[in-house]
Amino acid sequence: MKKFSLETSVGIFVLIGILCIGYLAIKLGKMEWLGNNNYELTARFESVSGLKVGAQVEMAGVPIGRIDSINLDKDRQIALVKFKIQNGIVLTDDVIASVKTSGLIGDKFIKISPGGSEEILHNGDAITETESSLDIEDLISKYAFGSVE
């Protein structure tokens, strides 16, 4: 009888441990299983060099979303970026999406600059005003070879 209760206690302890590890994996991986608390927007950029899936979308230095996918728009031959924004954040149709770098050689992210329009963006809408990232290597090579004006 004592052996049975010891084995049962160990089994319950192991089961609780596995459940805790699964919960932490979901939370730390930022997976969303229950509820959808964001909406998707798209933006087209001339260049998204260095930008990665999962990078942050920020407004006024505060994270408001994450990049979901980066693809090539084959018709226009420019980058098509899809990202998810938290539901409580209201963006208007004249916001500006810019690819920025955190620090001198840091990670790339999308910065949203607010607009003043009354039209609100909804799930599936596109941001039309975009600014691509500054390519430092291209700028240095232009300066080195004298083609900067």
Protein backbone atom coordinates (compact mmCIF):
# COMPACT_ATOMS: atom_id res chain seq x y z
CA MET A 1 0.00 0.00 0.00
CA LYS A 2 2.83 2.39 0.86
CA LYS A 3 4.58 1.61 -2.44
CA PHE A 4 1.37 2.37 -4.39
CA SER A 5 0.94 5.78 -2.74
CA LEU A 6 4.59 6.67 -3.37
CA GLU A 7 4.28 5.76 -7.07
CA THR A 8 1.03 7.70 -7.36
CA SER A 9 2.61 10.77 -5.74
CA VAL A 10 5.60 10.62 -8.09
CA GLY A 11 3.30 10.18 -11.11
CA ILE A 12 1.19 13.20 -10.15
CA PHE A 13 4.33 15.26 -9.55
CA VAL A 14 5.72 14.31 -13.00
CA LEU A 15 2.39 15.10 -14.67
CA ILE A 16 2.25 18.54 -13.03
CA GLY A 17 5.84 19.16 -14.13
CA ILE A 18 5.04 18.26 -17.76
CA LEU A 19 1.98 20.54 -17.72
CA CYS A 20 4.07 23.43 -16.33
CA ILE A 21 6.76 22.97 -18.99
CA GLY A 22 4.09 22.90 -21.73
CA TYR A 23 2.50 26.08 -20.38
CA LEU A 24 5.85 27.89 -20.26
CA ALA A 25 6.72 26.76 -23.79
CA ILE A 26 3.46 28.21 -25.10
CA LYS A 27 3.80 31.48 -23.15
CA LEU A 28 7.48 32.05 -23.96
CA GLY A 29 6.92 31.09 -27.61
CA LYS A 30 4.14 33.69 -27.76
CA MET A 31 1.74 31.16 -29.26
CA GLU A 32 -1.92 32.06 -29.22
CA TRP A 33 -4.30 29.17 -28.83
CA LEU A 34 -7.16 30.72 -26.93
CA GLY A 35 -8.63 33.88 -28.40
CA ASN A 36 -7.40 36.15 -31.14
CA ASN A 37 -6.45 39.48 -29.62
CA ASN A 38 -4.92 41.11 -32.69
CA TYR A 39 -5.64 42.10 -36.27
CA GLU A 40 -3.52 41.80 -39.42
CA LEU A 41 -2.25 44.64 -41.60
CA THR A 42 0.03 44.66 -44.65
CA ALA A 43 2.58 47.12 -45.99
CA ARG A 44 4.77 47.20 -49.10
CA PHE A 45 8.41 48.30 -48.92
CA GLU A 46 11.10 48.83 -51.55
CA SER A 47 13.60 47.07 -49.27
CA VAL A 48 13.31 45.21 -45.98
CA SER A 49 16.95 44.18 -45.77
CA GLY A 50 17.66 42.71 -42.33
CA LEU A 51 14.02 42.59 -41.23
CA LYS A 52 12.96 39.19 -39.86
CA VAL A 53 9.70 37.39 -39.16
CA GLY A 54 8.84 37.84 -35.49
CA ALA A 55 10.44 41.29 -35.25
CA GLN A 56 8.55 43.94 -33.31
CA VAL A 57 6.21 46.60 -34.59
CA GLU A 58 6.52 49.71 -32.41
CA MET A 59 4.71 53.00 -31.99
CA ALA A 60 6.30 55.73 -29.83
CA GLY A 61 8.87 53.16 -28.67
CA VAL A 62 6.19 50.79 -27.34
CA PRO A 63 5.76 47.32 -28.89
CA ILE A 64 2.27 47.02 -30.41
CA GLY A 65 2.67 43.95 -32.61
CA ARG A 66 4.87 41.45 -34.42
CA ILE A 67 5.79 40.71 -38.03
CA ASP A 68 3.93 37.64 -39.28
CA SER A 69 5.42 37.12 -42.76
CA ILE A 70 7.70 38.72 -45.35
CA ASN A 71 7.16 37.84 -49.00
CA LEU A 72 7.88 39.23 -52.43
CA ASP A 73 4.98 40.88 -54.24
CA LYS A 74 5.61 39.32 -57.66
CA ASP A 75 3.47 41.85 -59.55
CA ARG A 76 5.24 44.96 -58.22
CA GLN A 77 8.54 43.24 -57.31
CA ILE A 78 8.67 44.79 -53.85
CA ALA A 79 8.51 43.33 -50.35
CA LEU A 80 5.10 42.55 -48.85
CA VAL A 81 5.13 42.51 -45.05
CA LYS A 82 2.21 41.19 -43.00
CA PHE A 83 2.09 42.00 -39.32
CA LYS A 84 -0.29 41.66 -36.41
CA ILE A 85 -1.33 44.59 -34.24
CA GLN A 86 -2.92 44.33 -30.78
CA ASN A 87 -6.69 44.86 -30.81
CA GLY A 88 -6.68 47.88 -28.49
CA ILE A 89 -4.42 49.90 -30.84
CA VAL A 90 -6.30 52.10 -33.35
CA LEU A 91 -4.38 53.05 -36.49
CA THR A 92 -5.61 55.46 -39.15
CA ASP A 93 -5.16 55.09 -42.90
CA ASP A 94 -2.45 57.78 -43.09
CA VAL A 95 0.04 56.23 -40.66
CA ILE A 96 3.61 55.80 -41.88
CA ALA A 97 5.39 52.45 -41.51
CA SER A 98 9.19 52.68 -41.49
CA VAL A 99 11.87 50.00 -41.26
CA LYS A 100 14.24 51.13 -38.51
CA THR A 101 17.27 49.77 -36.69
CA SER A 102 17.47 49.60 -32.91
CA GLY A 103 20.87 51.02 -32.04
CA LEU A 104 23.82 51.28 -34.41
CA ILE A 105 24.01 47.63 -35.47
CA GLY A 106 20.89 46.29 -33.79
CA ASP A 107 17.88 44.38 -35.01
CA LYS A 108 15.45 45.81 -37.53
CA PHE A 109 11.85 46.58 -36.62
CA ILE A 110 8.88 48.47 -38.04
CA LYS A 111 8.11 51.87 -36.56
CA ILE A 112 4.58 53.19 -36.96
CA SER A 113 4.23 56.99 -37.01
CA PRO A 114 0.68 58.16 -36.28
CA GLY A 115 -1.41 60.13 -38.72
CA GLY A 116 -4.29 62.54 -38.35
CA SER A 117 -6.97 61.00 -40.53
CA GLU A 118 -10.40 59.90 -39.35
CA GLU A 119 -10.39 56.64 -41.40
CA ILE A 120 -9.46 53.66 -39.23
CA LEU A 121 -7.57 50.61 -40.53
CA HIS A 122 -9.30 47.25 -40.02
CA ASN A 123 -8.23 43.62 -40.30
CA GLY A 124 -6.71 42.93 -43.73
CA ASP A 125 -6.17 46.58 -44.69
CA ALA A 126 -2.90 47.93 -46.06
CA ILE A 127 -0.68 50.78 -44.95
CA THR A 128 0.10 52.84 -48.04
CA GLU A 129 2.78 55.21 -46.72
CA THR A 130 6.05 53.33 -46.10
CA GLU A 131 9.75 54.10 -45.75
CA SER A 132 12.36 51.44 -46.47
CA SER A 133 15.46 50.88 -44.39
CA LEU A 134 18.62 52.86 -44.96
CA ASP A 135 21.29 50.62 -46.48
CA ILE A 136 24.55 51.68 -44.78
CA GLU A 137 26.74 49.59 -47.11
CA ASP A 138 25.23 51.22 -50.19
CA LEU A 139 25.66 54.69 -48.66
CA ILE A 140 29.32 54.01 -47.74
CA SER A 141 30.12 52.67 -51.21
CA LYS A 142 28.56 55.74 -52.84
CA TYR A 143 30.59 58.00 -50.58
CA ALA A 144 33.82 56.04 -51.15
CA PHE A 145 33.47 56.16 -54.92
CA GLY A 146 32.35 59.79 -55.04
CA SER A 147 28.79 59.41 -56.29
CA VAL A 148 27.11 61.04 -53.27
CA GLU A 149 25.71 64.48 -54.04
